[in-house]
């Protein structure tokens, strides 16, 4: 099993060499505790899985990993949020248009589909060659001008037309910010499958394999794939319109659909971004942890020609994810079939949840009260009552949702 060690046996003494005298007292305490632990296990004819010193190092690494992951996640959302907030003037320019609520979706102006800027910028043609050109265009587009004003306006109108048709002045930008903040709460956490990845990585840390170097390409490749896919979804939306219409009456409206996303699940993009940010944080945290614990020249650290590319890739991932991928995610994932709960503000969400709970208690309370009559007729009436009451309750719930949404958005505008 010697070939599965992170360092060769000849380098082991150097890697595990004692630290300066300032830590000698601490190591002495660890040694005393370890003797106690070994004696406890030895009495049962067993050996400890990890030494106390190894457990101590593991605790330090987990702490460093958590700090780096939270820091990188915050930086990503902060810089990505700055980019997204630059789109606010696009939203304001749309809101300044003097909409007629009864005519906004009934404009009579007819234009050729290719006269629209959104189609000119995103439509790459029809045929087998267009698929390859579309993917290539999507790959390079994520590095420069990933989202333009025509993209934002077209996707915004598609969302409003599908989900908020009665409120054309809906503040799509504010909704998008709220949705991103809700998603950030998931990204900043560390799920069980991420810890599984850490364990597998540590087991593959074998001398001569340069695992640290090769594993850095996983988030790099995955990030490019996610950015390309998000850009390609915008192209698909443009293709759907261009292939179905020669001329368009009124504004160009795209059709949101889950079919454009991997496995028809927009949420899977958030999973990939979560994994990318965690893995990149893991790489940087592991680098600093090894540096502090064993020194830069340790065999565990690896050779300089493998260290520098890892750090460069880590910085590149952080920058690209902040300024391109995250803003793309915030906009494009709204093109799913369903909207997110962030469409309502927090206070309204809390009120609606309370209202629904009270209505549920009243329905169940009425059913329980009727059940005490003991007659078959009362039982039948009890059975019919909830179903009968459910219909107006559901209608009232939807009506309150729509009325409150329109009221809030009109006040904001």
Protein backbone atom coordinates (compact mmCIF):
# COMPACT_ATOMS: atom_id res chain seq x y z
CA UNK A 1 0.00 0.00 0.00
CA UNK A 2 3.03 2.29 0.08
CA UNK A 3 2.38 3.44 -3.49
CA UNK A 4 -0.98 4.95 -2.40
CA UNK A 5 0.65 7.55 -0.13
CA UNK A 6 0.52 11.28 -1.00
CA UNK A 7 4.32 11.41 -0.70
CA UNK A 8 7.04 8.86 -1.36
CA UNK A 9 8.57 7.20 1.70
CA UNK A 10 11.84 9.04 1.14
CA UNK A 11 9.99 12.37 1.45
CA UNK A 12 7.78 11.38 4.37
CA UNK A 13 10.12 12.61 7.10
CA UNK A 14 10.41 15.99 5.38
CA UNK A 15 6.65 16.33 4.95
CA UNK A 16 5.99 15.44 8.56
CA UNK A 17 8.91 17.37 10.00
CA UNK A 18 8.08 19.19 13.25
CA UNK A 19 7.11 22.83 13.19
CA UNK A 20 8.93 25.59 15.11
CA UNK A 21 9.34 25.45 18.86
CA UNK A 22 6.24 27.59 19.39
CA UNK A 23 4.12 24.53 18.63
CA UNK A 24 6.18 22.05 20.62
CA UNK A 25 4.02 22.38 23.75
CA UNK A 26 0.85 21.86 21.72
CA UNK A 27 2.32 18.79 20.00
CA UNK A 28 3.35 17.44 23.41
CA UNK A 29 -0.27 17.68 24.59
CA UNK A 30 -1.46 15.94 21.44
CA UNK A 31 1.07 13.18 21.98
CA UNK A 32 -0.18 12.59 25.54
CA UNK A 33 -3.80 12.47 24.37
CA UNK A 34 -2.87 10.16 21.53
CA UNK A 35 -1.22 7.72 23.94
CA UNK A 36 -4.46 7.68 25.92
CA UNK A 37 -6.49 7.08 22.76
CA UNK A 38 -4.17 4.30 21.56
CA UNK A 39 -4.33 2.69 24.98
CA UNK A 40 -8.12 2.77 24.90
CA UNK A 41 -8.23 1.18 21.44
CA UNK A 42 -5.41 -1.22 22.31
CA UNK A 43 -7.37 -2.55 25.28
CA UNK A 44 -9.99 -3.64 22.73
CA UNK A 45 -7.30 -5.02 20.40
CA UNK A 46 -8.02 -2.26 17.89
CA UNK A 47 -6.18 0.75 16.48
CA UNK A 48 -7.61 4.28 15.98
CA UNK A 49 -8.68 5.13 12.46
CA UNK A 50 -7.11 8.59 12.73
CA UNK A 51 -4.54 9.92 15.13
CA UNK A 52 -5.43 12.92 17.28
CA UNK A 53 -3.02 15.06 15.30
CA UNK A 54 -4.69 13.99 12.06
CA UNK A 55 -8.09 14.86 13.53
CA UNK A 56 -6.76 18.25 14.58
CA UNK A 57 -5.48 18.93 11.05
CA UNK A 58 -8.81 17.78 9.65
CA UNK A 59 -10.70 20.22 11.88
CA UNK A 60 -8.47 23.06 10.74
CA UNK A 61 -8.98 22.12 7.09
CA UNK A 62 -12.78 22.00 7.47
CA UNK A 63 -12.72 25.44 9.08
CA UNK A 64 -10.50 26.89 6.33
CA UNK A 65 -12.68 25.30 3.64
CA UNK A 66 -15.86 26.75 5.14
CA UNK A 67 -14.35 30.24 5.41
CA UNK A 68 -13.00 30.20 1.84
CA UNK A 69 -16.24 28.81 0.39
CA UNK A 70 -18.41 31.43 2.10
CA UNK A 71 -15.98 34.20 1.11
CA UNK A 72 -15.83 33.13 -2.54
CA UNK A 73 -19.61 32.69 -2.71
CA UNK A 74 -20.16 36.18 -1.29
CA UNK A 75 -17.64 37.70 -3.71
CA UNK A 76 -19.28 35.92 -6.64
CA UNK A 77 -22.76 37.16 -5.74
CA UNK A 78 -21.51 40.69 -4.94
CA UNK A 79 -19.64 41.16 -8.21
CA UNK A 80 -22.32 39.34 -10.19
CA UNK A 81 -24.95 41.49 -8.50
CA UNK A 82 -23.09 44.63 -9.54
CA UNK A 83 -23.26 43.46 -13.14
CA UNK A 84 -26.95 42.65 -12.84
CA UNK A 85 -27.73 46.01 -11.25
CA UNK A 86 -26.28 47.69 -14.33
CA UNK A 87 -29.32 46.34 -16.17
CA UNK A 88 -31.61 48.44 -13.98
CA UNK A 89 -31.60 51.31 -16.48
CA UNK A 90 -32.83 48.86 -19.13
CA UNK A 91 -35.79 48.05 -16.88
CA UNK A 92 -36.41 51.74 -16.26
CA UNK A 93 -36.31 52.51 -19.97
CA UNK A 94 -39.01 49.89 -20.55
CA UNK A 95 -41.07 51.19 -17.62
CA UNK A 96 -40.95 54.75 -18.97
CA UNK A 97 -42.88 53.73 -22.05
CA UNK A 98 -46.45 54.95 -21.74
CA UNK A 99 -48.22 51.61 -21.77
CA UNK A 100 -51.91 51.33 -22.47
CA UNK A 101 -52.93 48.29 -20.38
CA UNK A 102 -55.66 47.32 -22.81
CA UNK A 103 -53.50 47.61 -25.93
CA UNK A 104 -50.00 46.64 -24.82
CA UNK A 105 -50.38 43.12 -26.17
CA UNK A 106 -52.53 44.14 -29.14
CA UNK A 107 -50.27 46.40 -31.15
CA UNK A 108 -50.98 46.31 -34.86
CA UNK A 109 -47.57 47.22 -36.22
CA UNK A 110 -46.26 44.42 -38.45
CA UNK A 111 -42.50 43.99 -38.90
CA UNK A 112 -40.34 41.41 -40.61
CA UNK A 113 -38.96 39.01 -38.03
CA UNK A 114 -35.34 39.60 -39.07
CA UNK A 115 -35.74 43.36 -38.58
CA UNK A 116 -35.71 42.82 -34.83
CA UNK A 117 -32.29 43.32 -33.21
CA UNK A 118 -32.78 40.26 -31.01
CA UNK A 119 -33.17 38.02 -34.06
CA UNK A 120 -30.31 39.65 -35.95
CA UNK A 121 -27.95 39.16 -33.02
CA UNK A 122 -29.02 35.65 -32.02
CA UNK A 123 -30.39 33.89 -35.09
CA UNK A 124 -27.57 32.04 -36.90
CA UNK A 125 -29.54 30.39 -39.71
CA UNK A 126 -31.35 27.14 -40.46
CA UNK A 127 -29.82 23.78 -41.28
CA UNK A 128 -27.20 21.36 -39.98
CA UNK A 129 -24.45 23.94 -40.07
CA UNK A 130 -26.49 26.34 -37.96
CA UNK A 131 -26.37 23.99 -34.97
CA UNK A 132 -22.56 23.99 -34.95
CA UNK A 133 -22.42 27.75 -35.53
CA UNK A 134 -24.93 28.24 -32.73
CA UNK A 135 -22.85 26.32 -30.20
CA UNK A 136 -19.63 28.04 -31.26
CA UNK A 137 -21.30 31.43 -31.05
CA UNK A 138 -22.63 30.55 -27.59
CA UNK A 139 -19.19 29.43 -26.39
CA UNK A 140 -17.41 32.65 -27.35
CA UNK A 141 -20.33 34.93 -26.48
CA UNK A 142 -19.98 34.18 -22.76
CA UNK A 143 -16.60 35.97 -22.73
CA UNK A 144 -17.82 39.30 -24.09
CA UNK A 145 -21.19 41.04 -23.88
CA UNK A 146 -22.90 37.92 -22.58
CA UNK A 147 -26.19 39.81 -22.18
CA UNK A 148 -27.25 42.78 -24.30
CA UNK A 149 -30.18 45.15 -23.93
CA UNK A 150 -32.09 43.44 -26.75
CA UNK A 151 -31.63 40.09 -24.97
CA UNK A 152 -32.90 41.52 -21.71
CA UNK A 153 -35.92 43.24 -23.25
CA UNK A 154 -36.91 40.19 -25.30
CA UNK A 155 -36.61 37.75 -22.40
CA UNK A 156 -38.35 40.16 -20.05
CA UNK A 157 -41.28 40.53 -22.41
CA UNK A 158 -41.49 36.75 -22.79
CA UNK A 159 -41.66 36.33 -19.01
CA UNK A 160 -44.21 39.12 -18.50
CA UNK A 161 -46.39 37.91 -21.36
CA UNK A 162 -46.42 34.35 -19.99
CA UNK A 163 -46.72 34.92 -16.25
CA UNK A 164 -47.88 38.54 -15.69
CA UNK A 165 -49.95 39.35 -18.73
CA UNK A 166 -52.29 41.61 -16.76
CA UNK A 167 -49.38 43.68 -15.43
CA UNK A 168 -47.12 44.80 -18.31
CA UNK A 169 -45.24 47.18 -15.97
CA UNK A 170 -44.10 44.29 -13.79
CA UNK A 171 -40.65 45.05 -12.32
CA UNK A 172 -38.79 42.09 -13.79
CA UNK A 173 -35.38 43.35 -12.63
CA UNK A 174 -36.41 43.51 -8.98
CA UNK A 175 -37.93 40.05 -9.20
CA UNK A 176 -34.73 38.71 -10.73
CA UNK A 177 -32.65 40.17 -7.87
CA UNK A 178 -34.94 38.58 -5.27
CA UNK A 179 -34.73 35.22 -7.03
CA UNK A 180 -30.93 35.42 -7.09
CA UNK A 181 -30.83 36.23 -3.37
CA UNK A 182 -32.98 33.18 -2.63
CA UNK A 183 -30.70 30.97 -4.71
CA UNK A 184 -27.62 32.36 -2.95
CA UNK A 185 -28.89 30.86 0.32
CA UNK A 186 -28.53 27.43 -1.29
CA UNK A 187 -25.18 28.11 -2.93
CA UNK A 188 -23.46 29.22 0.27
CA UNK A 189 -24.24 25.89 1.98
CA UNK A 190 -22.21 22.68 1.75
CA UNK A 191 -24.32 19.63 0.93
CA UNK A 192 -23.52 15.99 1.64
CA UNK A 193 -22.59 15.19 -1.96
CA UNK A 194 -19.93 17.89 -1.84
CA UNK A 195 -18.36 16.22 1.19
CA UNK A 196 -18.38 12.93 -0.74
CA UNK A 197 -16.39 14.68 -3.45
CA UNK A 198 -13.87 15.89 -0.84
CA UNK A 199 -13.39 12.37 0.50
CA UNK A 200 -12.91 10.92 -2.98
CA UNK A 201 -10.42 13.64 -3.82
CA UNK A 202 -8.37 12.99 -0.68
CA UNK A 203 -8.32 9.26 -1.43
CA UNK A 204 -7.03 9.97 -4.94
CA UNK A 205 -4.23 12.19 -3.63
CA UNK A 206 -1.49 9.71 -4.58
CA UNK A 207 2.15 10.47 -5.14
CA UNK A 208 2.93 10.98 -8.83
CA UNK A 209 -0.68 11.38 -9.97
CA UNK A 210 -0.73 15.21 -9.58
CA UNK A 211 -4.39 15.02 -8.61
CA UNK A 212 -4.40 18.66 -7.46
CA UNK A 213 -3.54 19.77 -10.97
CA UNK A 214 -5.95 17.63 -12.97
CA UNK A 215 -8.91 18.14 -10.67
CA UNK A 216 -8.70 21.91 -11.21
CA UNK A 217 -9.98 21.34 -14.76
CA UNK A 218 -13.29 19.90 -13.52
CA UNK A 219 -14.87 23.22 -12.45
CA UNK A 220 -13.12 24.99 -15.35
CA UNK A 221 -14.68 22.73 -18.01
CA UNK A 222 -18.03 22.61 -16.20
CA UNK A 223 -18.16 26.41 -15.97
CA UNK A 224 -17.54 26.77 -19.71
CA UNK A 225 -20.24 24.18 -20.39
CA UNK A 226 -22.79 25.98 -18.20
CA UNK A 227 -22.05 29.37 -19.74
CA UNK A 228 -22.29 27.93 -23.25
CA UNK A 229 -25.60 26.24 -22.47
CA UNK A 230 -27.14 29.41 -21.02
CA UNK A 231 -26.09 31.41 -24.08
CA UNK A 232 -27.44 28.67 -26.35
CA UNK A 233 -30.83 28.83 -24.64
CA UNK A 234 -31.13 32.46 -25.74
CA UNK A 235 -30.27 31.37 -29.30
CA UNK A 236 -32.92 28.64 -29.11
CA UNK A 237 -35.54 31.18 -28.06
CA UNK A 238 -34.61 33.36 -31.04
CA UNK A 239 -34.69 30.35 -33.39
CA UNK A 240 -38.16 29.35 -32.26
CA UNK A 241 -39.51 32.76 -33.22
CA UNK A 242 -37.53 33.06 -36.48
CA UNK A 243 -38.46 29.57 -37.69
CA UNK A 244 -42.18 29.94 -36.98
CA UNK A 245 -42.76 33.47 -38.25
CA UNK A 246 -41.85 35.56 -41.26
CA UNK A 247 -43.44 38.72 -39.92
CA UNK A 248 -44.57 39.61 -36.40
CA UNK A 249 -47.54 41.73 -35.37
CA UNK A 250 -46.56 43.85 -32.41
CA UNK A 251 -43.57 43.10 -30.16
CA UNK A 252 -41.39 40.05 -30.50
CA UNK A 253 -42.36 37.60 -27.75
CA UNK A 254 -40.33 34.48 -26.87
CA UNK A 255 -41.91 31.45 -25.24
CA UNK A 256 -40.34 30.29 -21.95
CA UNK A 257 -40.10 26.52 -21.57
CA UNK A 258 -38.28 23.95 -19.44
CA UNK A 259 -37.51 22.03 -22.64
CA UNK A 260 -34.51 24.28 -23.30
CA UNK A 261 -32.70 23.19 -20.14
CA UNK A 262 -30.73 20.05 -19.35
CA UNK A 263 -33.14 17.23 -18.42
CA UNK A 264 -35.95 19.83 -18.60
CA UNK A 265 -34.90 21.12 -15.17
CA UNK A 266 -33.75 24.75 -14.84
CA UNK A 267 -32.71 24.08 -11.23
CA UNK A 268 -29.91 21.78 -12.37
CA UNK A 269 -27.97 24.86 -13.50
CA UNK A 270 -27.92 26.08 -9.88
CA UNK A 271 -26.58 22.68 -8.81
CA UNK A 272 -23.70 22.95 -11.27
CA UNK A 273 -22.86 26.51 -10.17
CA UNK A 274 -22.94 25.35 -6.56
CA UNK A 275 -20.52 22.54 -7.35
CA UNK A 276 -18.23 24.84 -9.36
CA UNK A 277 -17.94 27.41 -6.59
CA UNK A 278 -17.39 24.75 -3.92
CA UNK A 279 -14.76 22.86 -5.91
CA UNK A 280 -12.89 26.06 -6.71
CA UNK A 281 -13.03 27.04 -3.04
CA UNK A 282 -11.78 23.58 -2.12
CA UNK A 283 -8.78 23.95 -4.41
CA UNK A 284 -7.77 27.31 -2.95
CA UNK A 285 -8.47 26.26 0.64
CA UNK A 286 -6.42 23.08 0.24
CA UNK A 287 -3.52 25.10 -1.18
CA UNK A 288 -3.40 27.49 1.79
CA UNK A 289 -3.94 24.69 4.29
CA UNK A 290 -0.99 22.68 2.96
CA UNK A 291 1.11 25.85 2.80
CA UNK A 292 0.46 26.71 6.46
CA UNK A 293 0.60 23.17 7.85
CA UNK A 294 3.54 21.70 5.94
CA UNK A 295 5.20 24.58 4.09
CA UNK A 296 5.44 25.58 0.45
CA UNK A 297 8.30 23.17 -0.29
CA UNK A 298 6.45 20.14 1.08
CA UNK A 299 6.03 17.13 -1.17
CA UNK A 300 2.28 17.34 -0.53
CA UNK A 301 2.21 20.80 -2.06
CA UNK A 302 3.61 19.50 -5.34
CA UNK A 303 5.84 21.08 -7.94
CA UNK A 304 5.65 24.76 -8.84
CA UNK A 305 4.82 24.05 -12.49
CA UNK A 306 1.61 22.39 -11.28
CA UNK A 307 0.78 24.95 -8.59
CA UNK A 308 0.80 28.10 -10.74
CA UNK A 309 -1.69 26.84 -13.38
CA UNK A 310 -4.05 25.74 -10.58
CA UNK A 311 -4.07 29.20 -9.06
CA UNK A 312 -4.53 30.87 -12.45
CA UNK A 313 -7.47 28.58 -13.25
CA UNK A 314 -8.99 29.32 -9.85
CA UNK A 315 -8.83 33.09 -10.40
CA UNK A 316 -10.23 32.72 -13.94
CA UNK A 317 -13.16 30.65 -12.66
CA UNK A 318 -13.94 33.23 -9.99
CA UNK A 319 -13.90 36.15 -12.43
CA UNK A 320 -15.85 34.43 -15.23
CA UNK A 321 -18.47 33.07 -12.85
CA UNK A 322 -18.97 36.49 -11.24
CA UNK A 323 -19.18 38.67 -14.35
CA UNK A 324 -20.67 36.31 -16.92
CA UNK A 325 -22.10 33.00 -15.73
CA UNK A 326 -24.00 34.24 -12.68
CA UNK A 327 -25.72 37.16 -14.50
CA UNK A 328 -26.58 34.77 -17.33
CA UNK A 329 -28.04 32.33 -14.82
CA UNK A 330 -30.11 35.05 -13.14
CA UNK A 331 -31.70 36.04 -16.46
CA UNK A 332 -31.94 32.83 -18.48
CA UNK A 333 -33.31 30.57 -15.74
CA UNK A 334 -36.40 32.78 -15.65
CA UNK A 335 -37.20 31.28 -19.06
CA UNK A 336 -38.54 28.11 -17.50
CA UNK A 337 -42.14 27.01 -17.66
CA UNK A 338 -42.91 28.15 -14.10
CA UNK A 339 -42.03 31.29 -12.19
CA UNK A 340 -40.34 31.28 -8.78
CA UNK A 341 -41.94 32.22 -5.47
CA UNK A 342 -39.72 35.31 -5.44
CA UNK A 343 -42.29 36.92 -7.73
CA UNK A 344 -43.97 37.95 -4.46
CA UNK A 345 -42.13 40.01 -1.86
CA UNK A 346 -41.30 38.48 1.53
CA UNK A 347 -44.09 40.24 3.44
CA UNK A 348 -46.70 39.14 0.93
CA UNK A 349 -45.35 35.57 0.97
CA UNK A 350 -45.66 35.48 4.77
CA UNK A 351 -49.21 36.85 4.65
CA UNK A 352 -50.26 34.32 2.01
CA UNK A 353 -48.77 31.41 3.96
CA UNK A 354 -50.59 32.57 7.11
CA UNK A 355 -53.83 32.99 5.18
CA UNK A 356 -53.53 29.50 3.68
CA UNK A 357 -52.80 27.95 7.09
CA UNK A 358 -55.80 29.66 8.68
CA UNK A 359 -58.04 28.57 5.80
CA UNK A 360 -56.79 25.00 6.16
CA UNK A 361 -57.50 25.03 9.92
CA UNK A 362 -61.02 26.34 9.34
CA UNK A 363 -61.73 23.67 6.73
CA UNK A 364 -60.42 20.87 8.97
CA UNK A 365 -62.19 22.36 11.99
CA UNK A 366 -65.51 22.38 10.14
CA UNK A 367 -64.99 18.81 9.01
CA UNK A 368 -64.22 17.63 12.56
CA UNK A 369 -67.26 19.47 13.98
CA UNK A 370 -69.60 17.88 11.46
CA UNK A 371 -68.23 14.40 12.14
CA UNK A 372 -69.61 14.47 15.70
CA UNK A 373 -73.24 14.38 14.46
CA UNK A 374 -73.04 10.64 13.94
CA UNK A 375 -75.61 10.53 11.18
CA UNK A 376 -74.87 9.30 7.69
CA UNK A 377 -76.43 12.40 6.22
CA UNK A 378 -74.15 14.63 8.26
CA UNK A 379 -71.21 12.53 7.24
CA UNK A 380 -72.10 12.96 3.61
CA UNK A 381 -72.47 16.69 4.09
CA UNK A 382 -69.12 16.81 5.85
CA UNK A 383 -67.50 15.02 2.96
CA UNK A 384 -68.99 17.44 0.50
CA UNK A 385 -68.27 20.58 2.49
CA UNK A 386 -64.47 20.73 2.14
CA UNK A 387 -64.55 20.05 -1.57
CA UNK A 388 -67.28 22.61 -2.03
CA UNK A 389 -65.42 25.18 0.04
CA UNK A 390 -62.10 24.43 -1.61
CA UNK A 391 -63.17 25.85 -4.95
CA UNK A 392 -64.04 29.38 -3.76
CA UNK A 393 -61.06 29.32 -1.40
CA UNK A 394 -58.72 28.48 -4.26
CA UNK A 395 -60.30 31.12 -6.48
CA UNK A 396 -60.04 33.71 -3.72
CA UNK A 397 -56.40 32.77 -3.13
CA UNK A 398 -55.55 33.27 -6.79
CA UNK A 399 -57.53 36.50 -6.91
CA UNK A 400 -55.71 37.92 -3.88
CA UNK A 401 -52.38 36.93 -5.40
CA UNK A 402 -53.09 38.73 -8.67
CA UNK A 403 -54.63 41.80 -7.04
CA UNK A 404 -51.80 42.20 -4.54
CA UNK A 405 -49.16 41.67 -7.23
CA UNK A 406 -50.69 44.32 -9.47
CA UNK A 407 -51.05 46.74 -6.56
CA UNK A 408 -47.41 46.34 -5.48
CA UNK A 409 -46.02 46.69 -8.97
CA UNK A 410 -48.14 49.76 -9.75
CA UNK A 411 -46.90 51.43 -6.57
CA UNK A 412 -43.27 50.62 -7.48
CA UNK A 413 -43.65 51.96 -10.99
